[in-house]
Amino acid sequence: MPAEPEGPEPLFVNFVGIEVATASYLRESILAFRTFVRGRKSNFYPAIANANSDVLDEFVELVHLRGDVLMACVVDEGGTVLRCRHIGKLDPMQQLTFDLVNREGETTASKLMEIEDGPVKATAWNNRLASLSNLGLICEQSHGRTKNYKALFAGGRNGR
């Protein structure tokens, strides 16, 4: 694995040239790797890149059965993200939080509480943001006592 970066950075597992991958392989390698990396609070944010439709179908089935979510991107040869989406289903409040982070670009729990102007407190927003960061869907950066969250993958929803 490359040296730990100073700040958040995507780490693409590139599937170019991979025609088929079994669910057991994907579970024991790719998902286990993502869980390991995110579990140690790394600045790397693993995502799959350039998977064909057969491999994506395996991932969809796998994350659906586990109640998991994973970022899938199309990346050019230079590493530029062309399209990105999450596969798997977020619960409605996680989806709202994910959408708000993607819309805002960078935010805090307090800022989301102000934007939504509802009964949900900053602690609940922070828990949702931390959960999305643990999944590797958004990145977290600490600035003193404040944690900022931002969209790391361009076009994080529906391949935009």
C-alpha atoms as a PDB file:
ATOM      1  CA  MET A   1       0.000   0.000   0.000  1.00  0.00           C
ATOM      2  CA  PRO A   2       1.308   3.507  -0.731  1.00  0.00           C
ATOM      3  CA  ALA A   3       2.473   5.798   2.062  1.00  0.00           C
ATOM      4  CA  GLU A   4      -0.300   7.437   4.062  1.00  0.00           C
ATOM      5  CA  PRO A   5      -1.264  10.776   2.477  1.00  0.00           C
ATOM      6  CA  GLU A   6      -1.380  14.038   4.438  1.00  0.00           C
ATOM      7  CA  GLY A   7      -5.045  14.594   3.595  1.00  0.00           C
ATOM      8  CA  PRO A   8      -8.003  12.637   2.238  1.00  0.00           C
ATOM      9  CA  GLU A   9      -7.280  10.853  -1.008  1.00  0.00           C
ATOM     10  CA  PRO A  10      -9.196   8.289  -3.064  1.00  0.00           C
ATOM     11  CA  LEU A  11      -7.585   4.882  -3.453  1.00  0.00           C
ATOM     12  CA  PHE A  12      -9.007   3.194  -6.526  1.00  0.00           C
ATOM     13  CA  VAL A  13      -9.116  -0.563  -6.909  1.00  0.00           C
ATOM     14  CA  ASN A  14      -9.045  -0.601 -10.699  1.00  0.00           C
ATOM     15  CA  PHE A  15     -10.998  -3.369 -12.424  1.00  0.00           C
ATOM     16  CA  VAL A  16      -9.814  -2.609 -15.973  1.00  0.00           C
ATOM     17  CA  GLY A  17      -9.377  -5.947 -17.725  1.00  0.00           C
ATOM     18  CA  ILE A  18     -11.276  -7.927 -15.074  1.00  0.00           C
ATOM     19  CA  GLU A  19     -14.144  -9.719 -16.795  1.00  0.00           C
ATOM     20  CA  VAL A  20     -15.590 -11.718 -13.883  1.00  0.00           C
ATOM     21  CA  ALA A  21     -15.258 -11.678 -10.099  1.00  0.00           C
ATOM     22  CA  THR A  22     -17.189 -13.859  -7.680  1.00  0.00           C
ATOM     23  CA  ALA A  23     -19.093 -12.445  -4.741  1.00  0.00           C
ATOM     24  CA  SER A  24     -16.912 -14.413  -2.315  1.00  0.00           C
ATOM     25  CA  TYR A  25     -13.744 -12.943  -3.836  1.00  0.00           C
ATOM     26  CA  LEU A  26     -15.162  -9.415  -3.717  1.00  0.00           C
ATOM     27  CA  ARG A  27     -16.332  -9.867  -0.115  1.00  0.00           C
ATOM     28  CA  GLU A  28     -13.055 -11.334   1.162  1.00  0.00           C
ATOM     29  CA  SER A  29     -10.785  -8.961  -0.730  1.00  0.00           C
ATOM     30  CA  ILE A  30     -12.303  -5.645  -1.792  1.00  0.00           C
ATOM     31  CA  LEU A  31     -14.867  -5.170   0.987  1.00  0.00           C
ATOM     32  CA  ALA A  32     -12.471  -6.530   3.618  1.00  0.00           C
ATOM     33  CA  PHE A  33      -9.776  -4.143   2.364  1.00  0.00           C
ATOM     34  CA  ARG A  34     -12.169  -1.166   2.475  1.00  0.00           C
ATOM     35  CA  THR A  35     -13.270  -2.111   6.002  1.00  0.00           C
ATOM     36  CA  PHE A  36      -9.658  -2.485   7.148  1.00  0.00           C
ATOM     37  CA  VAL A  37      -8.529   0.838   5.660  1.00  0.00           C
ATOM     38  CA  ARG A  38     -11.508   2.830   6.917  1.00  0.00           C
ATOM     39  CA  GLY A  39     -11.349   1.094  10.313  1.00  0.00           C
ATOM     40  CA  ARG A  40      -7.895   2.488  10.964  1.00  0.00           C
ATOM     41  CA  LYS A  41      -9.057   6.033  10.146  1.00  0.00           C
ATOM     42  CA  SER A  42      -6.739   6.256   7.165  1.00  0.00           C
ATOM     43  CA  ASN A  43      -6.738   9.238   4.831  1.00  0.00           C
ATOM     44  CA  PHE A  44      -7.265   6.737   2.016  1.00  0.00           C
ATOM     45  CA  TYR A  45     -10.831   6.270   0.820  1.00  0.00           C
ATOM     46  CA  PRO A  46     -11.044   3.017  -1.182  1.00  0.00           C
ATOM     47  CA  ALA A  47     -13.433   2.814  -4.127  1.00  0.00           C
ATOM     48  CA  ILE A  48     -13.829   0.491  -7.061  1.00  0.00           C
ATOM     49  CA  ALA A  49     -12.986   1.873 -10.468  1.00  0.00           C
ATOM     50  CA  ASN A  50     -13.798   0.875 -14.022  1.00  0.00           C
ATOM     51  CA  ALA A  51     -15.701  -2.306 -13.165  1.00  0.00           C
ATOM     52  CA  ASN A  52     -17.716  -3.780 -16.024  1.00  0.00           C
ATOM     53  CA  SER A  53     -21.444  -4.484 -15.687  1.00  0.00           C
ATOM     54  CA  ASP A  54     -20.943  -8.138 -14.646  1.00  0.00           C
ATOM     55  CA  VAL A  55     -18.595  -7.195 -11.810  1.00  0.00           C
ATOM     56  CA  LEU A  56     -20.859  -4.305 -10.775  1.00  0.00           C
ATOM     57  CA  ASP A  57     -23.817  -6.714 -10.663  1.00  0.00           C
ATOM     58  CA  GLU A  58     -21.846  -8.945  -8.276  1.00  0.00           C
ATOM     59  CA  PHE A  59     -21.057  -5.938  -6.082  1.00  0.00           C
ATOM     60  CA  VAL A  60     -24.705  -4.825  -6.095  1.00  0.00           C
ATOM     61  CA  GLU A  61     -25.878  -8.270  -4.952  1.00  0.00           C
ATOM     62  CA  LEU A  62     -23.138  -8.472  -2.351  1.00  0.00           C
ATOM     63  CA  VAL A  63     -23.695  -5.083  -0.736  1.00  0.00           C
ATOM     64  CA  HIS A  64     -27.475  -5.526  -0.874  1.00  0.00           C
ATOM     65  CA  LEU A  65     -27.249  -8.787   1.111  1.00  0.00           C
ATOM     66  CA  ARG A  66     -24.930  -7.177   3.667  1.00  0.00           C
ATOM     67  CA  GLY A  67     -26.794  -3.868   3.954  1.00  0.00           C
ATOM     68  CA  ASP A  68     -23.542  -2.237   2.865  1.00  0.00           C
ATOM     69  CA  VAL A  69     -22.643   0.599   0.500  1.00  0.00           C
ATOM     70  CA  LEU A  70     -19.592   1.078  -1.705  1.00  0.00           C
ATOM     71  CA  MET A  71     -18.385   3.808  -4.029  1.00  0.00           C
ATOM     72  CA  ALA A  72     -18.021   2.861  -7.707  1.00  0.00           C
ATOM     73  CA  CYS A  73     -16.358   5.204 -10.181  1.00  0.00           C
ATOM     74  CA  VAL A  74     -15.276   5.463 -13.777  1.00  0.00           C
ATOM     75  CA  VAL A  75     -11.750   6.865 -13.810  1.00  0.00           C
ATOM     76  CA  ASP A  76      -9.632   7.818 -16.813  1.00  0.00           C
ATOM     77  CA  GLU A  77      -5.993   6.784 -17.289  1.00  0.00           C
ATOM     78  CA  GLY A  78      -4.819   9.959 -15.547  1.00  0.00           C
ATOM     79  CA  GLY A  79      -6.850   9.204 -12.408  1.00  0.00           C
ATOM     80  CA  THR A  80      -9.570  11.800 -13.065  1.00  0.00           C
ATOM     81  CA  VAL A  81     -13.017  10.730 -11.866  1.00  0.00           C
ATOM     82  CA  LEU A  82     -15.420  10.854 -14.806  1.00  0.00           C
ATOM     83  CA  ARG A  83     -18.502   9.406 -13.076  1.00  0.00           C
ATOM     84  CA  CYS A  84     -19.182   8.126  -9.613  1.00  0.00           C
ATOM     85  CA  ARG A  85     -22.071   6.627  -7.672  1.00  0.00           C
ATOM     86  CA  HIS A  86     -22.626   4.608  -4.586  1.00  0.00           C
ATOM     87  CA  ILE A  87     -23.897   1.084  -4.925  1.00  0.00           C
ATOM     88  CA  GLY A  88     -26.049  -0.274  -2.154  1.00  0.00           C
ATOM     89  CA  LYS A  89     -28.842   1.424  -0.288  1.00  0.00           C
ATOM     90  CA  LEU A  90     -28.449   4.114   2.331  1.00  0.00           C
ATOM     91  CA  ASP A  91     -31.227   4.633   4.840  1.00  0.00           C
ATOM     92  CA  PRO A  92     -33.282   7.776   4.098  1.00  0.00           C
ATOM     93  CA  MET A  93     -31.465  10.003   6.612  1.00  0.00           C
ATOM     94  CA  GLN A  94     -28.034   8.816   5.459  1.00  0.00           C
ATOM     95  CA  GLN A  95     -29.098   9.475   1.866  1.00  0.00           C
ATOM     96  CA  LEU A  96     -30.248  12.985   2.806  1.00  0.00           C
ATOM     97  CA  THR A  97     -26.940  13.619   4.569  1.00  0.00           C
ATOM     98  CA  PHE A  98     -24.947  12.245   1.622  1.00  0.00           C
ATOM     99  CA  ASP A  99     -26.906  14.426  -0.807  1.00  0.00           C
ATOM    100  CA  LEU A 100     -26.402  17.536   1.346  1.00  0.00           C
ATOM    101  CA  VAL A 101     -22.643  16.953   1.589  1.00  0.00           C
ATOM    102  CA  ASN A 102     -22.431  16.502  -2.183  1.00  0.00           C
ATOM    103  CA  ARG A 103     -24.470  19.652  -2.724  1.00  0.00           C
ATOM    104  CA  GLU A 104     -22.489  21.746  -0.237  1.00  0.00           C
ATOM    105  CA  GLY A 105     -19.088  20.326  -1.169  1.00  0.00           C
ATOM    106  CA  GLU A 106     -17.776  20.734   2.386  1.00  0.00           C
ATOM    107  CA  THR A 107     -19.762  21.042   5.589  1.00  0.00           C
ATOM    108  CA  THR A 108     -20.021  20.427   9.331  1.00  0.00           C
ATOM    109  CA  ALA A 109     -22.726  18.880  11.474  1.00  0.00           C
ATOM    110  CA  SER A 110     -23.700  22.347  12.747  1.00  0.00           C
ATOM    111  CA  LYS A 111     -24.013  23.687   9.212  1.00  0.00           C
ATOM    112  CA  LEU A 112     -26.276  20.797   8.177  1.00  0.00           C
ATOM    113  CA  MET A 113     -28.412  21.408  11.260  1.00  0.00           C
ATOM    114  CA  GLU A 114     -28.820  25.051  10.168  1.00  0.00           C
ATOM    115  CA  ILE A 115     -29.559  24.130   6.543  1.00  0.00           C
ATOM    116  CA  GLU A 116     -32.275  21.645   7.469  1.00  0.00           C
ATOM    117  CA  ASP A 117     -33.622  23.843  10.303  1.00  0.00           C
ATOM    118  CA  GLY A 118     -35.509  20.985  11.940  1.00  0.00           C
ATOM    119  CA  PRO A 119     -35.627  19.150  15.250  1.00  0.00           C
ATOM    120  CA  VAL A 120     -32.479  17.118  14.485  1.00  0.00           C
ATOM    121  CA  LYS A 121     -29.544  18.195  16.661  1.00  0.00           C
ATOM    122  CA  ALA A 122     -25.896  18.533  15.629  1.00  0.00           C
ATOM    123  CA  THR A 123     -25.015  15.273  17.422  1.00  0.00           C
ATOM    124  CA  ALA A 124     -27.347  13.290  15.162  1.00  0.00           C
ATOM    125  CA  TRP A 125     -25.925  15.014  12.080  1.00  0.00           C
ATOM    126  CA  ASN A 126     -22.401  14.256  13.306  1.00  0.00           C
ATOM    127  CA  ASN A 127     -23.286  10.572  13.779  1.00  0.00           C
ATOM    128  CA  ARG A 128     -24.641  10.387  10.219  1.00  0.00           C
ATOM    129  CA  LEU A 129     -21.581  12.132   8.814  1.00  0.00           C
ATOM    130  CA  ALA A 130     -19.225   9.839  10.747  1.00  0.00           C
ATOM    131  CA  SER A 131     -21.127   6.794   9.492  1.00  0.00           C
ATOM    132  CA  LEU A 132     -20.794   7.932   5.862  1.00  0.00           C
ATOM    133  CA  SER A 133     -17.091   8.583   6.424  1.00  0.00           C
ATOM    134  CA  ASN A 134     -16.618   5.109   7.898  1.00  0.00           C
ATOM    135  CA  LEU A 135     -18.212   3.689   4.743  1.00  0.00           C
ATOM    136  CA  GLY A 136     -15.745   5.727   2.686  1.00  0.00           C
ATOM    137  CA  LEU A 137     -18.462   7.742   0.931  1.00  0.00           C
ATOM    138  CA  ILE A 138     -17.363  11.149   2.253  1.00  0.00           C
ATOM    139  CA  CYS A 139     -14.145  12.258   3.909  1.00  0.00           C
ATOM    140  CA  GLU A 140     -13.577  13.633   7.385  1.00  0.00           C
ATOM    141  CA  GLN A 141     -10.981  16.189   8.428  1.00  0.00           C
ATOM    142  CA  SER A 142     -10.433  17.431  11.971  1.00  0.00           C
ATOM    143  CA  HIS A 143      -9.711  21.107  12.527  1.00  0.00           C
ATOM    144  CA  GLY A 144      -9.259  21.487  16.258  1.00  0.00           C
ATOM    145  CA  ARG A 145     -12.549  20.497  17.862  1.00  0.00           C
ATOM    146  CA  THR A 146     -14.471  20.812  14.604  1.00  0.00           C
ATOM    147  CA  LYS A 147     -14.793  18.062  12.029  1.00  0.00           C
ATOM    148  CA  ASN A 148     -15.352  19.035   8.419  1.00  0.00           C
ATOM    149  CA  TYR A 149     -16.818  16.589   5.960  1.00  0.00           C
ATOM    150  CA  LYS A 150     -16.584  16.826   2.219  1.00  0.00           C
ATOM    151  CA  ALA A 151     -17.437  14.992  -0.933  1.00  0.00           C
ATOM    152  CA  LEU A 152     -14.271  13.305  -2.132  1.00  0.00           C
ATOM    153  CA  PHE A 153     -15.661  11.683  -5.253  1.00  0.00           C
ATOM    154  CA  ALA A 154     -16.973  14.037  -7.936  1.00  0.00           C
ATOM    155  CA  GLY A 155     -20.543  13.311  -8.934  1.00  0.00           C
ATOM    156  CA  GLY A 156     -21.204  11.126  -5.935  1.00  0.00           C
ATOM    157  CA  ARG A 157     -24.750  10.169  -6.847  1.00  0.00           C
ATOM    158  CA  ASN A 158     -26.352   8.563  -9.890  1.00  0.00           C
ATOM    159  CA  GLY A 159     -23.215   8.801 -11.970  1.00  0.00           C
ATOM    160  CA  ARG A 160     -23.374  12.566 -12.432  1.00  0.00           C
END
